[in-house]
C-alpha atoms as a PDB file:
ATOM      1  CA  MET A   1       1.695 -18.660 -11.009  1.00  0.00           C
ATOM      2  CA  GLU A   2       4.549 -19.317  -8.569  1.00  0.00           C
ATOM      3  CA  ARG A   3       2.200 -21.222  -6.214  1.00  0.00           C
ATOM      4  CA  ASP A   4       1.900 -23.885  -8.921  1.00  0.00           C
ATOM      5  CA  LEU A   5       5.689 -24.231  -9.107  1.00  0.00           C
ATOM      6  CA  PHE A   6       6.933 -24.046  -5.514  1.00  0.00           C
ATOM      7  CA  ASP A   7       6.171 -23.219  -1.878  1.00  0.00           C
ATOM      8  CA  TRP A   8       8.269 -20.658   0.031  1.00  0.00           C
ATOM      9  CA  SER A   9       8.895 -19.390   3.535  1.00  0.00           C
ATOM     10  CA  GLY A  10       9.376 -15.702   2.641  1.00  0.00           C
ATOM     11  CA  TRP A  11       9.630 -13.273  -0.234  1.00  0.00           C
ATOM     12  CA  ASP A  12      10.683  -9.748  -1.200  1.00  0.00           C
ATOM     13  CA  LEU A  13       9.536  -7.400  -3.938  1.00  0.00           C
ATOM     14  CA  VAL A  14      12.735  -6.450  -5.786  1.00  0.00           C
ATOM     15  CA  THR A  15      11.040  -4.275  -8.438  1.00  0.00           C
ATOM     16  CA  ASP A  16       7.478  -3.990  -9.719  1.00  0.00           C
ATOM     17  CA  THR A  17       8.044  -7.071 -11.887  1.00  0.00           C
ATOM     18  CA  ILE A  18      10.709  -9.065 -10.000  1.00  0.00           C
ATOM     19  CA  LEU A  19       9.982 -11.173  -6.910  1.00  0.00           C
ATOM     20  CA  GLN A  20      12.580 -13.027  -4.837  1.00  0.00           C
ATOM     21  CA  PHE A  21      11.437 -16.055  -2.806  1.00  0.00           C
ATOM     22  CA  TYR A  22      13.293 -17.785   0.062  1.00  0.00           C
ATOM     23  CA  GLY A  23      13.269 -21.321   1.438  1.00  0.00           C
ATOM     24  CA  CYS A  24      11.584 -22.756  -1.647  1.00  0.00           C
ATOM     25  CA  VAL A  25      10.378 -26.342  -2.052  1.00  0.00           C
ATOM     26  CA  LEU A  26       9.594 -27.405  -5.610  1.00  0.00           C
ATOM     27  CA  LYS A  27       6.150 -28.755  -6.516  1.00  0.00           C
ATOM     28  CA  VAL A  28       7.213 -29.616 -10.085  1.00  0.00           C
ATOM     29  CA  PRO A  29      10.548 -30.622 -11.621  1.00  0.00           C
ATOM     30  CA  ILE A  30      12.592 -27.635 -12.819  1.00  0.00           C
ATOM     31  CA  GLY A  31      15.778 -28.402 -14.738  1.00  0.00           C
ATOM     32  CA  ALA A  32      17.881 -30.902 -12.777  1.00  0.00           C
ATOM     33  CA  PHE A  33      15.769 -30.395  -9.614  1.00  0.00           C
ATOM     34  CA  GLY A  34      12.888 -32.678  -8.684  1.00  0.00           C
ATOM     35  CA  VAL A  35       9.636 -32.416  -6.780  1.00  0.00           C
ATOM     36  CA  GLY A  36      10.339 -31.823  -3.088  1.00  0.00           C
ATOM     37  CA  ASP A  37      13.846 -30.440  -3.633  1.00  0.00           C
ATOM     38  CA  MET A  38      14.708 -27.354  -1.574  1.00  0.00           C
ATOM     39  CA  VAL A  39      16.114 -24.318  -3.364  1.00  0.00           C
ATOM     40  CA  PRO A  40      17.354 -21.471  -1.135  1.00  0.00           C
ATOM     41  CA  ILE A  41      16.314 -18.614  -3.452  1.00  0.00           C
ATOM     42  CA  ILE A  42      14.105 -18.412  -6.532  1.00  0.00           C
ATOM     43  CA  VAL A  43      13.884 -15.160  -8.480  1.00  0.00           C
ATOM     44  CA  VAL A  44      10.956 -14.626 -10.857  1.00  0.00           C
ATOM     45  CA  ASP A  45      11.251 -11.819 -13.403  1.00  0.00           C
ATOM     46  CA  PHE A  46       7.742 -11.514 -14.842  1.00  0.00           C
ATOM     47  CA  GLU A  47       8.587  -8.775 -17.358  1.00  0.00           C
ATOM     48  CA  ASN A  48      11.375 -10.752 -19.042  1.00  0.00           C
ATOM     49  CA  GLY A  49       9.987 -14.243 -18.384  1.00  0.00           C
ATOM     50  CA  ILE A  50      13.009 -15.478 -16.405  1.00  0.00           C
ATOM     51  CA  LEU A  51      13.054 -17.927 -13.500  1.00  0.00           C
ATOM     52  CA  GLN A  52      16.364 -18.272 -11.618  1.00  0.00           C
ATOM     53  CA  LEU A  53      17.230 -20.896  -8.993  1.00  0.00           C
ATOM     54  CA  ILE A  54      19.969 -19.572  -6.727  1.00  0.00           C
ATOM     55  CA  GLY A  55      22.080 -21.238  -4.043  1.00  0.00           C
ATOM     56  CA  LYS A  56      22.362 -19.613  -0.647  1.00  0.00           C
ATOM     57  CA  GLY A  57      24.311 -16.375  -0.604  1.00  0.00           C
ATOM     58  CA  ARG A  58      24.836 -13.484   1.766  1.00  0.00           C
ATOM     59  CA  ALA A  59      21.947 -11.061   2.068  1.00  0.00           C
ATOM     60  CA  ASN A  60      22.357  -7.312   1.955  1.00  0.00           C
ATOM     61  CA  ALA A  61      20.938  -4.881   4.528  1.00  0.00           C
ATOM     62  CA  ALA A  62      17.503  -5.017   2.881  1.00  0.00           C
ATOM     63  CA  GLY A  63      17.503  -8.802   3.191  1.00  0.00           C
ATOM     64  CA  LEU A  64      17.861  -9.320  -0.555  1.00  0.00           C
ATOM     65  CA  SER A  65      20.444 -11.564  -2.131  1.00  0.00           C
ATOM     66  CA  ASN A  66      23.414  -9.445  -3.170  1.00  0.00           C
ATOM     67  CA  GLY A  67      24.344 -11.727  -6.031  1.00  0.00           C
ATOM     68  CA  ALA A  68      26.805 -13.693  -3.892  1.00  0.00           C
ATOM     69  CA  GLY A  69      24.596 -16.761  -4.216  1.00  0.00           C
ATOM     70  CA  GLU A  70      25.456 -19.303  -6.879  1.00  0.00           C
ATOM     71  CA  LEU A  71      23.173 -19.350  -9.935  1.00  0.00           C
ATOM     72  CA  LEU A  72      22.054 -22.985 -10.040  1.00  0.00           C
ATOM     73  CA  SER A  73      19.887 -22.724 -13.148  1.00  0.00           C
ATOM     74  CA  GLU A  74      18.007 -20.191 -15.253  1.00  0.00           C
ATOM     75  CA  HIS A  75      14.924 -20.801 -17.362  1.00  0.00           C
ATOM     76  CA  LYS A  76      12.731 -18.843 -19.763  1.00  0.00           C
ATOM     77  CA  VAL A  77       9.106 -19.010 -18.658  1.00  0.00           C
ATOM     78  CA  ARG A  78       5.839 -17.987 -20.250  1.00  0.00           C
ATOM     79  CA  LEU A  79       2.605 -17.196 -18.478  1.00  0.00           C
ATOM     80  CA  VAL A  80      -0.394 -18.883 -20.082  1.00  0.00           C
ATOM     81  CA  LEU A  81      -4.059 -18.819 -19.159  1.00  0.00           C
ATOM     82  CA  ALA A  82      -5.568 -22.126 -18.109  1.00  0.00           C
ATOM     83  CA  ASP A  83      -8.865 -23.289 -19.592  1.00  0.00           C
END
């Protein structure tokens, strides 16, 4: 699903249902951001259907954002099957 929304340079598995992506470039408009815009961190919470765009923040020892990044926008998302 995320491949349809953005490209990324790296990612981490935060939990079984939460992925955190780094160096993201949008393929579709999301909120106030347009196609081709760079977003430092995108967090996808598949269990709760939440997509967060986060500004650059300090990383903790595991390389994950420690919440110091600025939340740029948050969106409810729904996974649907294509025809």
